[in-house]
Structure formats: structure tokens, C-alpha cells
């Protein structure tokens, strides 16, 4: 399956299921894999920042 077809299917699934964007962002944040969608990238960064802030708050 080509990368373009895979991205098209992923985008189609995200339109049907808004939770899919969060799942993809979470998976990419955990693995460190870059995403191609802007929304997925923004959510990935927010998840990582949130985890870092949570760790800092709990350690003080």
C-alpha cells in the first residue's frame, strides 16, 4: 500500500471518528514518529508538553 493511499485512508477514518485523531496523535507522541497532518502534529506536541508539565508538577 502506498504512503499516499495510507494517508488518504487515515484522513477518511479521522473524519468518521474524531477520536481517531487523538489516537493517532497519542501513538505518534509515544513512538516519536512524525505525522503528516497538522492537527495530529499539534495534538502530539500538546500531549508531550502536558506529560512534561505533569511530571514537573508531581516532582515538586
C-alpha atoms as a PDB file:
ATOM      1  CA  UNK A   1       0.000   0.000   0.000  1.00  0.00           C
ATOM      2  CA  UNK A   2       1.444   3.362  -0.980  1.00  0.00           C
ATOM      3  CA  UNK A   3       2.051   6.124   1.553  1.00  0.00           C
ATOM      4  CA  UNK A   4      -0.430   8.390  -0.234  1.00  0.00           C
ATOM      5  CA  UNK A   5      -3.197   5.780  -0.100  1.00  0.00           C
ATOM      6  CA  UNK A   6      -2.473   5.100   3.577  1.00  0.00           C
ATOM      7  CA  UNK A   7      -2.717   8.825   4.400  1.00  0.00           C
ATOM      8  CA  UNK A   8      -5.971   9.120   2.429  1.00  0.00           C
ATOM      9  CA  UNK A   9      -7.491   6.214   4.370  1.00  0.00           C
ATOM     10  CA  UNK A  10      -6.295   7.666   7.678  1.00  0.00           C
ATOM     11  CA  UNK A  11      -7.846  11.053   6.854  1.00  0.00           C
ATOM     12  CA  UNK A  12     -11.118   9.362   5.860  1.00  0.00           C
ATOM     13  CA  UNK A  13     -11.184   7.461   9.170  1.00  0.00           C
ATOM     14  CA  UNK A  14     -10.493  10.641  11.137  1.00  0.00           C
ATOM     15  CA  UNK A  15     -13.478  12.356   9.520  1.00  0.00           C
ATOM     16  CA  UNK A  16     -15.732   9.444  10.521  1.00  0.00           C
ATOM     17  CA  UNK A  17     -14.259   9.134  14.015  1.00  0.00           C
ATOM     18  CA  UNK A  18     -12.853  12.305  15.655  1.00  0.00           C
ATOM     19  CA  UNK A  19     -11.262  10.142  18.362  1.00  0.00           C
ATOM     20  CA  UNK A  20      -9.012   8.614  15.711  1.00  0.00           C
ATOM     21  CA  UNK A  21      -7.040  11.880  15.505  1.00  0.00           C
ATOM     22  CA  UNK A  22      -6.351  11.686  19.236  1.00  0.00           C
ATOM     23  CA  UNK A  23      -5.372   8.014  18.988  1.00  0.00           C
ATOM     24  CA  UNK A  24      -3.001   8.731  16.106  1.00  0.00           C
ATOM     25  CA  UNK A  25      -1.511  11.698  17.939  1.00  0.00           C
ATOM     26  CA  UNK A  26      -1.026   9.629  21.094  1.00  0.00           C
ATOM     27  CA  UNK A  27       0.660   6.830  19.161  1.00  0.00           C
ATOM     28  CA  UNK A  28       2.943   9.261  17.349  1.00  0.00           C
ATOM     29  CA  UNK A  29       3.819  11.058  20.576  1.00  0.00           C
ATOM     30  CA  UNK A  30       4.762   7.760  22.218  1.00  0.00           C
ATOM     31  CA  UNK A  31       6.807   6.476  19.292  1.00  0.00           C
ATOM     32  CA  UNK A  32       8.265   9.802  18.217  1.00  0.00           C
ATOM     33  CA  UNK A  33       7.107   9.251  14.638  1.00  0.00           C
ATOM     34  CA  UNK A  34       6.394  12.465  12.759  1.00  0.00           C
ATOM     35  CA  UNK A  35       2.926  12.860  11.308  1.00  0.00           C
ATOM     36  CA  UNK A  36       1.872  14.498   8.088  1.00  0.00           C
ATOM     37  CA  UNK A  37      -1.321  16.116   9.311  1.00  0.00           C
ATOM     38  CA  UNK A  38      -1.187  19.482  11.028  1.00  0.00           C
ATOM     39  CA  UNK A  39      -3.834  18.597  13.614  1.00  0.00           C
ATOM     40  CA  UNK A  40      -2.065  15.375  14.541  1.00  0.00           C
ATOM     41  CA  UNK A  41       1.243  17.223  14.948  1.00  0.00           C
ATOM     42  CA  UNK A  42      -0.307  19.900  17.170  1.00  0.00           C
ATOM     43  CA  UNK A  43      -2.033  17.321  19.368  1.00  0.00           C
ATOM     44  CA  UNK A  44       1.210  15.319  19.616  1.00  0.00           C
ATOM     45  CA  UNK A  45       3.109  18.375  20.833  1.00  0.00           C
ATOM     46  CA  UNK A  46       0.370  19.215  23.330  1.00  0.00           C
ATOM     47  CA  UNK A  47       0.395  15.668  24.717  1.00  0.00           C
ATOM     48  CA  UNK A  48       4.174  15.723  25.185  1.00  0.00           C
ATOM     49  CA  UNK A  49       4.073  19.173  26.833  1.00  0.00           C
ATOM     50  CA  UNK A  50       1.220  18.039  29.089  1.00  0.00           C
ATOM     51  CA  UNK A  51       3.139  14.965  30.235  1.00  0.00           C
ATOM     52  CA  UNK A  52       6.245  17.057  30.946  1.00  0.00           C
ATOM     53  CA  UNK A  53       4.226  19.599  32.944  1.00  0.00           C
ATOM     54  CA  UNK A  54       2.514  16.802  34.882  1.00  0.00           C
ATOM     55  CA  UNK A  55       5.854  15.240  35.772  1.00  0.00           C
ATOM     56  CA  UNK A  56       7.285  18.595  36.869  1.00  0.00           C
ATOM     57  CA  UNK A  57       4.220  19.374  38.992  1.00  0.00           C
ATOM     58  CA  UNK A  58       4.307  15.992  40.707  1.00  0.00           C
ATOM     59  CA  UNK A  59       8.044  16.113  41.395  1.00  0.00           C
ATOM     60  CA  UNK A  60       7.902  19.398  43.328  1.00  0.00           C
END
